[in-house]
C-alpha cells in the first residue's frame, strides 16, 4: 500500500461518524481541479511517507474513539492490495467508507461482495461521455455506468457526488447525471474552491471555474427531480 497521507480526525468525511481519512497515492485521472495533486503525480519509485504497519498501530490506539476509517485518494481501487488492507482495518472493529471515481467496477464488486465497505461515495466528474475531453483521454465510459449500477444494487449505504466546475458541469450535465443515478438516496453537489493548489491551474485561466450560489441552487433543483435527496456542499 502506498499511503500518501492521513487526516487523524474528521467530523465531515463519513456521514454521522467520527473518522480518520487515509489517502492512498496514485490516480488514473488528471482532473484539472484536483486538490490532491501530489497524490495524483505520485512516483512509485519514491518511498511512501507513511508506513502501513504504523497505520494499523495508530488505528489500534484510536479504538473506542474513532467510529470509522475513510479510504480516499488518489483512487484507492487501483491498489490490488486494497482488500487485504481493508480486512485488517475491519478486524480492528472499524466501519469503512470508500471514496472512488468508479473506474474499477470489478474491484468495487469484490469489496462489496466480501463485506469490506460500509459506505460508498462515488464521484461523477461530468457526463461520462465527456470524460475523454476533460478527465482522461483513454477511458471507457461504461466502467462508470457499471459502477453506478453495482453501487445502486449493493444494499450498502452510498452517495454520489459531483464537484461543480465549469465548463465540464452545467445544467445539462447535472440533468444527465441525475437521470443516470435516478432514485439515489443522496446526491451531493460540491462547490469548487480555487483558493488552494490544484492539479492544472492553467485550465482555468480563461474562465471562472466555480458556480456561484444561485447557479448551484438551480443545479440542485434540476437534480432533486431525479434523486431522493440532493444537497449542496461548500
C-alpha atoms as a PDB file:
ATOM      1  CA  UNK A   1       0.000   0.000   0.000  1.00  0.00           C
ATOM      2  CA  UNK A   2       1.299   3.450  -0.905  1.00  0.00           C
ATOM      3  CA  UNK A   3      -0.138   5.670   1.803  1.00  0.00           C
ATOM      4  CA  UNK A   4       0.296   9.299   0.846  1.00  0.00           C
ATOM      5  CA  UNK A   5      -1.304  10.941   3.848  1.00  0.00           C
ATOM      6  CA  UNK A   6      -3.619  10.697   6.836  1.00  0.00           C
ATOM      7  CA  UNK A   7      -6.089  13.065   8.456  1.00  0.00           C
ATOM      8  CA  UNK A   8      -6.321  11.826  12.001  1.00  0.00           C
ATOM      9  CA  UNK A   9      -9.775  13.155  12.828  1.00  0.00           C
ATOM     10  CA  UNK A  10     -12.762  14.254  10.764  1.00  0.00           C
ATOM     11  CA  UNK A  11     -16.388  15.043  11.527  1.00  0.00           C
ATOM     12  CA  UNK A  12     -17.436  15.574   7.907  1.00  0.00           C
ATOM     13  CA  UNK A  13     -15.946  12.860   5.711  1.00  0.00           C
ATOM     14  CA  UNK A  14     -18.057   9.937   6.941  1.00  0.00           C
ATOM     15  CA  UNK A  15     -21.711  10.953   7.410  1.00  0.00           C
ATOM     16  CA  UNK A  16     -22.722  10.640  11.047  1.00  0.00           C
ATOM     17  CA  UNK A  17     -19.388   9.151  12.116  1.00  0.00           C
ATOM     18  CA  UNK A  18     -16.213  10.349  13.787  1.00  0.00           C
ATOM     19  CA  UNK A  19     -13.495   9.138  11.439  1.00  0.00           C
ATOM     20  CA  UNK A  20      -9.968   9.418  10.168  1.00  0.00           C
ATOM     21  CA  UNK A  21      -9.099   9.672   6.478  1.00  0.00           C
ATOM     22  CA  UNK A  22      -6.355   7.625   4.831  1.00  0.00           C
ATOM     23  CA  UNK A  23      -5.184   8.893   1.438  1.00  0.00           C
ATOM     24  CA  UNK A  24      -3.777   6.325  -0.971  1.00  0.00           C
ATOM     25  CA  UNK A  25      -1.407   7.589  -3.649  1.00  0.00           C
ATOM     26  CA  UNK A  26      -1.894   7.185  -7.389  1.00  0.00           C
ATOM     27  CA  UNK A  27      -4.769   8.024  -9.704  1.00  0.00           C
ATOM     28  CA  UNK A  28      -5.865   7.170 -13.235  1.00  0.00           C
ATOM     29  CA  UNK A  29      -7.492  10.583 -13.722  1.00  0.00           C
ATOM     30  CA  UNK A  30      -5.995  14.035 -14.200  1.00  0.00           C
ATOM     31  CA  UNK A  31      -8.928  16.207 -13.113  1.00  0.00           C
ATOM     32  CA  UNK A  32      -7.674  19.794 -13.548  1.00  0.00           C
ATOM     33  CA  UNK A  33      -9.386  20.892 -10.325  1.00  0.00           C
ATOM     34  CA  UNK A  34      -7.939  18.124  -8.127  1.00  0.00           C
ATOM     35  CA  UNK A  35      -6.845  19.436  -4.721  1.00  0.00           C
ATOM     36  CA  UNK A  36      -4.548  16.448  -4.082  1.00  0.00           C
ATOM     37  CA  UNK A  37      -2.055  16.885  -6.954  1.00  0.00           C
ATOM     38  CA  UNK A  38       0.803  15.257  -5.045  1.00  0.00           C
ATOM     39  CA  UNK A  39      -1.204  12.033  -4.773  1.00  0.00           C
ATOM     40  CA  UNK A  40      -2.037  12.084  -8.495  1.00  0.00           C
ATOM     41  CA  UNK A  41       1.578  12.701  -9.524  1.00  0.00           C
ATOM     42  CA  UNK A  42       2.971  10.142  -7.099  1.00  0.00           C
ATOM     43  CA  UNK A  43       6.132   8.455  -8.362  1.00  0.00           C
ATOM     44  CA  UNK A  44       6.068   4.720  -7.454  1.00  0.00           C
ATOM     45  CA  UNK A  45       9.856   4.806  -7.055  1.00  0.00           C
ATOM     46  CA  UNK A  46       9.507   7.156  -4.092  1.00  0.00           C
ATOM     47  CA  UNK A  47       9.249   5.834  -0.577  1.00  0.00           C
ATOM     48  CA  UNK A  48       5.777   6.102   0.912  1.00  0.00           C
ATOM     49  CA  UNK A  49       5.721   8.734   3.691  1.00  0.00           C
ATOM     50  CA  UNK A  50       3.515   6.555   5.890  1.00  0.00           C
ATOM     51  CA  UNK A  51       4.278   3.010   6.941  1.00  0.00           C
ATOM     52  CA  UNK A  52       1.375   0.566   6.643  1.00  0.00           C
ATOM     53  CA  UNK A  53       2.122  -1.095   9.961  1.00  0.00           C
ATOM     54  CA  UNK A  54       2.240   2.335  11.540  1.00  0.00           C
ATOM     55  CA  UNK A  55      -1.296   2.943  10.270  1.00  0.00           C
ATOM     56  CA  UNK A  56      -2.526  -0.212  11.990  1.00  0.00           C
ATOM     57  CA  UNK A  57      -0.795   0.851  15.197  1.00  0.00           C
ATOM     58  CA  UNK A  58      -2.450   4.253  15.001  1.00  0.00           C
ATOM     59  CA  UNK A  59      -5.878   2.693  14.417  1.00  0.00           C
ATOM     60  CA  UNK A  60      -5.370   0.296  17.315  1.00  0.00           C
ATOM     61  CA  UNK A  61      -4.646   3.264  19.572  1.00  0.00           C
ATOM     62  CA  UNK A  62      -7.853   5.045  18.465  1.00  0.00           C
ATOM     63  CA  UNK A  63     -10.241   2.163  19.084  1.00  0.00           C
ATOM     64  CA  UNK A  64     -13.239   3.409  21.033  1.00  0.00           C
ATOM     65  CA  UNK A  65     -12.537   6.974  19.921  1.00  0.00           C
ATOM     66  CA  UNK A  66     -12.996   6.763  16.154  1.00  0.00           C
ATOM     67  CA  UNK A  67     -16.051   5.147  14.577  1.00  0.00           C
ATOM     68  CA  UNK A  68     -14.762   4.667  11.066  1.00  0.00           C
ATOM     69  CA  UNK A  69     -11.997   4.942   8.523  1.00  0.00           C
ATOM     70  CA  UNK A  70     -12.368   6.741   5.204  1.00  0.00           C
ATOM     71  CA  UNK A  71     -10.237   5.382   2.364  1.00  0.00           C
ATOM     72  CA  UNK A  72      -9.634   8.144  -0.158  1.00  0.00           C
ATOM     73  CA  UNK A  73      -7.015   9.165  -2.673  1.00  0.00           C
ATOM     74  CA  UNK A  74      -5.973   9.401  -5.424  1.00  0.00           C
ATOM     75  CA  UNK A  75      -8.028   6.433  -6.491  1.00  0.00           C
ATOM     76  CA  UNK A  76      -7.936   3.638  -3.863  1.00  0.00           C
ATOM     77  CA  UNK A  77      -9.261   0.845  -6.102  1.00  0.00           C
ATOM     78  CA  UNK A  78      -6.117   0.955  -8.272  1.00  0.00           C
ATOM     79  CA  UNK A  79      -4.275  -0.849  -5.490  1.00  0.00           C
ATOM     80  CA  UNK A  80      -4.587  -4.623  -5.756  1.00  0.00           C
ATOM     81  CA  UNK A  81      -3.745  -4.966  -2.048  1.00  0.00           C
ATOM     82  CA  UNK A  82      -6.748  -2.872  -1.014  1.00  0.00           C
ATOM     83  CA  UNK A  83      -8.922  -5.865   0.007  1.00  0.00           C
ATOM     84  CA  UNK A  84      -6.276  -7.154   2.433  1.00  0.00           C
ATOM     85  CA  UNK A  85      -5.764  -3.652   3.794  1.00  0.00           C
ATOM     86  CA  UNK A  86      -9.474  -3.345   4.485  1.00  0.00           C
ATOM     87  CA  UNK A  87      -9.643  -6.797   6.069  1.00  0.00           C
ATOM     88  CA  UNK A  88      -7.118  -5.697   8.674  1.00  0.00           C
ATOM     89  CA  UNK A  89      -8.957  -2.430   9.313  1.00  0.00           C
ATOM     90  CA  UNK A  90     -12.277  -4.243   9.694  1.00  0.00           C
ATOM     91  CA  UNK A  91     -10.706  -6.697  12.130  1.00  0.00           C
ATOM     92  CA  UNK A  92      -9.896  -3.724  14.355  1.00  0.00           C
ATOM     93  CA  UNK A  93     -13.625  -3.058  14.555  1.00  0.00           C
ATOM     94  CA  UNK A  94     -13.916  -0.037  12.289  1.00  0.00           C
ATOM     95  CA  UNK A  95     -16.567   0.891   9.772  1.00  0.00           C
ATOM     96  CA  UNK A  96     -15.053   1.648   6.361  1.00  0.00           C
ATOM     97  CA  UNK A  97     -16.092   4.304   3.867  1.00  0.00           C
ATOM     98  CA  UNK A  98     -14.652   4.228   0.346  1.00  0.00           C
ATOM     99  CA  UNK A  99     -14.212   7.275  -1.873  1.00  0.00           C
ATOM    100  CA  UNK A 100     -13.918   6.211  -5.518  1.00  0.00           C
ATOM    101  CA  UNK A 101     -14.110   7.504  -9.070  1.00  0.00           C
ATOM    102  CA  UNK A 102     -15.867   4.312 -10.177  1.00  0.00           C
ATOM    103  CA  UNK A 103     -13.414   3.272 -12.886  1.00  0.00           C
ATOM    104  CA  UNK A 104     -12.734  -0.186 -11.465  1.00  0.00           C
ATOM    105  CA  UNK A 105     -16.110  -1.886 -11.125  1.00  0.00           C
ATOM    106  CA  UNK A 106     -14.595  -5.353 -10.644  1.00  0.00           C
ATOM    107  CA  UNK A 107     -12.635  -4.228  -7.591  1.00  0.00           C
ATOM    108  CA  UNK A 108     -15.673  -2.366  -6.318  1.00  0.00           C
ATOM    109  CA  UNK A 109     -17.811  -5.502  -6.672  1.00  0.00           C
ATOM    110  CA  UNK A 110     -15.168  -7.579  -4.897  1.00  0.00           C
ATOM    111  CA  UNK A 111     -15.058  -5.209  -1.922  1.00  0.00           C
ATOM    112  CA  UNK A 112     -18.846  -5.165  -1.647  1.00  0.00           C
ATOM    113  CA  UNK A 113     -19.233  -8.938  -2.014  1.00  0.00           C
ATOM    114  CA  UNK A 114     -16.698  -9.528   0.748  1.00  0.00           C
ATOM    115  CA  UNK A 115     -18.355  -7.087   3.130  1.00  0.00           C
ATOM    116  CA  UNK A 116     -15.336  -4.815   3.312  1.00  0.00           C
ATOM    117  CA  UNK A 117     -17.046  -1.450   2.905  1.00  0.00           C
ATOM    118  CA  UNK A 118     -19.907   0.062   4.889  1.00  0.00           C
ATOM    119  CA  UNK A 119     -20.406   3.287   2.939  1.00  0.00           C
ATOM    120  CA  UNK A 120     -19.520   4.306  -0.623  1.00  0.00           C
ATOM    121  CA  UNK A 121     -19.092   7.780  -2.082  1.00  0.00           C
ATOM    122  CA  UNK A 122     -18.647   7.785  -5.854  1.00  0.00           C
ATOM    123  CA  UNK A 123     -17.542  10.918  -7.641  1.00  0.00           C
ATOM    124  CA  UNK A 124     -19.101  11.517 -11.033  1.00  0.00           C
ATOM    125  CA  UNK A 125     -16.943  14.181 -12.637  1.00  0.00           C
ATOM    126  CA  UNK A 126     -19.112  15.055 -15.642  1.00  0.00           C
ATOM    127  CA  UNK A 127     -21.229  13.328 -18.240  1.00  0.00           C
ATOM    128  CA  UNK A 128     -19.318  10.034 -18.624  1.00  0.00           C
ATOM    129  CA  UNK A 129     -19.143  10.576 -22.398  1.00  0.00           C
ATOM    130  CA  UNK A 130     -17.269  13.838 -21.783  1.00  0.00           C
ATOM    131  CA  UNK A 131     -14.525  12.302 -19.624  1.00  0.00           C
ATOM    132  CA  UNK A 132     -12.050  11.849 -22.516  1.00  0.00           C
ATOM    133  CA  UNK A 133     -12.168  15.598 -23.150  1.00  0.00           C
ATOM    134  CA  UNK A 134     -11.755  16.779 -19.571  1.00  0.00           C
ATOM    135  CA  UNK A 135     -10.631  13.953 -17.307  1.00  0.00           C
ATOM    136  CA  UNK A 136      -8.811  11.087 -19.049  1.00  0.00           C
ATOM    137  CA  UNK A 137      -8.169  10.570 -22.749  1.00  0.00           C
ATOM    138  CA  UNK A 138      -8.007   6.776 -22.759  1.00  0.00           C
ATOM    139  CA  UNK A 139     -11.150   5.930 -20.919  1.00  0.00           C
ATOM    140  CA  UNK A 140     -14.156   3.635 -21.289  1.00  0.00           C
ATOM    141  CA  UNK A 141     -17.316   5.401 -20.027  1.00  0.00           C
ATOM    142  CA  UNK A 142     -19.015   2.043 -19.495  1.00  0.00           C
ATOM    143  CA  UNK A 143     -16.945   1.488 -16.354  1.00  0.00           C
ATOM    144  CA  UNK A 144     -18.591   4.494 -14.716  1.00  0.00           C
ATOM    145  CA  UNK A 145     -22.086   3.328 -15.667  1.00  0.00           C
ATOM    146  CA  UNK A 146     -21.344  -0.212 -14.451  1.00  0.00           C
ATOM    147  CA  UNK A 147     -20.086   1.073 -11.103  1.00  0.00           C
ATOM    148  CA  UNK A 148     -23.232   3.163 -10.678  1.00  0.00           C
ATOM    149  CA  UNK A 149     -25.355   0.042 -11.128  1.00  0.00           C
ATOM    150  CA  UNK A 150     -23.194  -2.020  -8.774  1.00  0.00           C
ATOM    151  CA  UNK A 151     -23.477   0.611  -6.058  1.00  0.00           C
ATOM    152  CA  UNK A 152     -27.221   1.117  -6.529  1.00  0.00           C
ATOM    153  CA  UNK A 153     -27.847  -2.635  -6.275  1.00  0.00           C
ATOM    154  CA  UNK A 154     -25.394  -3.270  -3.433  1.00  0.00           C
ATOM    155  CA  UNK A 155     -27.559  -2.527  -0.402  1.00  0.00           C
ATOM    156  CA  UNK A 156     -24.597  -0.596   1.007  1.00  0.00           C
ATOM    157  CA  UNK A 157     -25.341   2.985   2.138  1.00  0.00           C
ATOM    158  CA  UNK A 158     -23.990   5.315  -0.518  1.00  0.00           C
ATOM    159  CA  UNK A 159     -23.930   8.695  -2.158  1.00  0.00           C
ATOM    160  CA  UNK A 160     -22.916  10.150  -5.480  1.00  0.00           C
ATOM    161  CA  UNK A 161     -21.018  13.447  -5.744  1.00  0.00           C
ATOM    162  CA  UNK A 162     -20.184  15.993  -8.406  1.00  0.00           C
ATOM    163  CA  UNK A 163     -17.814  18.913  -7.993  1.00  0.00           C
ATOM    164  CA  UNK A 164     -19.417  21.731  -9.956  1.00  0.00           C
ATOM    165  CA  UNK A 165     -16.641  23.039 -12.184  1.00  0.00           C
ATOM    166  CA  UNK A 166     -17.072  24.998 -15.399  1.00  0.00           C
ATOM    167  CA  UNK A 167     -17.147  24.191 -18.256  1.00  0.00           C
ATOM    168  CA  UNK A 168     -17.462  20.454 -17.624  1.00  0.00           C
ATOM    169  CA  UNK A 169     -20.518  20.773 -15.365  1.00  0.00           C
ATOM    170  CA  UNK A 170     -23.608  22.683 -16.452  1.00  0.00           C
ATOM    171  CA  UNK A 171     -27.387  22.306 -16.302  1.00  0.00           C
ATOM    172  CA  UNK A 172     -27.464  19.587 -18.950  1.00  0.00           C
ATOM    173  CA  UNK A 173     -24.626  17.722 -17.227  1.00  0.00           C
ATOM    174  CA  UNK A 174     -26.476  17.634 -13.913  1.00  0.00           C
ATOM    175  CA  UNK A 175     -29.672  16.500 -15.617  1.00  0.00           C
ATOM    176  CA  UNK A 176     -27.873  13.659 -17.419  1.00  0.00           C
ATOM    177  CA  UNK A 177     -26.017  12.513 -14.286  1.00  0.00           C
ATOM    178  CA  UNK A 178     -29.176  12.700 -12.184  1.00  0.00           C
ATOM    179  CA  UNK A 179     -31.045  10.544 -14.666  1.00  0.00           C
ATOM    180  CA  UNK A 180     -28.200   8.003 -14.598  1.00  0.00           C
ATOM    181  CA  UNK A 181     -28.395   7.746 -10.795  1.00  0.00           C
ATOM    182  CA  UNK A 182     -32.186   8.045 -10.616  1.00  0.00           C
ATOM    183  CA  UNK A 183     -33.520   7.116  -7.183  1.00  0.00           C
ATOM    184  CA  UNK A 184     -30.160   7.531  -5.438  1.00  0.00           C
ATOM    185  CA  UNK A 185     -30.549   8.211  -1.697  1.00  0.00           C
ATOM    186  CA  UNK A 186     -28.128  11.144  -1.778  1.00  0.00           C
ATOM    187  CA  UNK A 187     -26.533  13.277  -4.474  1.00  0.00           C
ATOM    188  CA  UNK A 188     -24.102  15.961  -3.305  1.00  0.00           C
ATOM    189  CA  UNK A 189     -23.202  18.944  -5.480  1.00  0.00           C
ATOM    190  CA  UNK A 190     -19.886  20.282  -4.274  1.00  0.00           C
ATOM    191  CA  UNK A 191     -18.750  23.856  -4.746  1.00  0.00           C
ATOM    192  CA  UNK A 192     -15.366  24.282  -6.371  1.00  0.00           C
ATOM    193  CA  UNK A 193     -12.784  26.327  -4.468  1.00  0.00           C
ATOM    194  CA  UNK A 194      -9.755  27.586  -6.359  1.00  0.00           C
ATOM    195  CA  UNK A 195      -8.028  29.123  -3.342  1.00  0.00           C
ATOM    196  CA  UNK A 196      -5.710  26.133  -2.918  1.00  0.00           C
ATOM    197  CA  UNK A 197      -3.289  24.457  -5.283  1.00  0.00           C
ATOM    198  CA  UNK A 198      -4.954  22.394  -7.993  1.00  0.00           C
ATOM    199  CA  UNK A 199      -3.506  19.910 -10.453  1.00  0.00           C
ATOM    200  CA  UNK A 200      -3.796  22.092 -13.561  1.00  0.00           C
ATOM    201  CA  UNK A 201      -4.364  25.772 -12.714  1.00  0.00           C
ATOM    202  CA  UNK A 202      -3.786  26.849 -16.349  1.00  0.00           C
ATOM    203  CA  UNK A 203      -7.025  25.063 -17.284  1.00  0.00           C
ATOM    204  CA  UNK A 204      -8.946  27.829 -15.529  1.00  0.00           C
ATOM    205  CA  UNK A 205      -7.017  30.874 -16.733  1.00  0.00           C
ATOM    206  CA  UNK A 206      -9.539  31.754 -19.432  1.00  0.00           C
ATOM    207  CA  UNK A 207     -12.711  31.342 -17.385  1.00  0.00           C
ATOM    208  CA  UNK A 208     -14.194  31.407 -13.929  1.00  0.00           C
ATOM    209  CA  UNK A 209     -14.234  27.811 -12.741  1.00  0.00           C
ATOM    210  CA  UNK A 210     -16.759  27.915  -9.948  1.00  0.00           C
ATOM    211  CA  UNK A 211     -20.541  28.263  -9.921  1.00  0.00           C
ATOM    212  CA  UNK A 212     -21.986  30.947  -7.684  1.00  0.00           C
ATOM    213  CA  UNK A 213     -24.633  30.083  -5.090  1.00  0.00           C
ATOM    214  CA  UNK A 214     -27.589  30.986  -7.307  1.00  0.00           C
ATOM    215  CA  UNK A 215     -26.260  28.723 -10.048  1.00  0.00           C
ATOM    216  CA  UNK A 216     -25.733  25.904  -7.565  1.00  0.00           C
ATOM    217  CA  UNK A 217     -29.277  26.250  -6.258  1.00  0.00           C
ATOM    218  CA  UNK A 218     -30.542  25.963  -9.843  1.00  0.00           C
ATOM    219  CA  UNK A 219     -28.453  22.834 -10.400  1.00  0.00           C
ATOM    220  CA  UNK A 220     -29.775  21.409  -7.142  1.00  0.00           C
ATOM    221  CA  UNK A 221     -33.360  21.949  -8.288  1.00  0.00           C
ATOM    222  CA  UNK A 222     -32.647  20.043 -11.507  1.00  0.00           C
ATOM    223  CA  UNK A 223     -31.122  17.093  -9.653  1.00  0.00           C
ATOM    224  CA  UNK A 224     -33.828  16.995  -6.979  1.00  0.00           C
ATOM    225  CA  UNK A 225     -36.368  15.787  -9.533  1.00  0.00           C
ATOM    226  CA  UNK A 226     -34.434  12.534 -10.023  1.00  0.00           C
ATOM    227  CA  UNK A 227     -32.911  11.616  -6.648  1.00  0.00           C
ATOM    228  CA  UNK A 228     -34.303  11.191  -3.148  1.00  0.00           C
ATOM    229  CA  UNK A 229     -32.141  13.942  -1.709  1.00  0.00           C
ATOM    230  CA  UNK A 230     -29.775  16.484  -3.243  1.00  0.00           C
ATOM    231  CA  UNK A 231     -27.554  18.670  -1.056  1.00  0.00           C
ATOM    232  CA  UNK A 232     -25.103  21.487  -1.659  1.00  0.00           C
ATOM    233  CA  UNK A 233     -21.677  21.270  -0.028  1.00  0.00           C
ATOM    234  CA  UNK A 234     -19.335  24.221   0.325  1.00  0.00           C
END
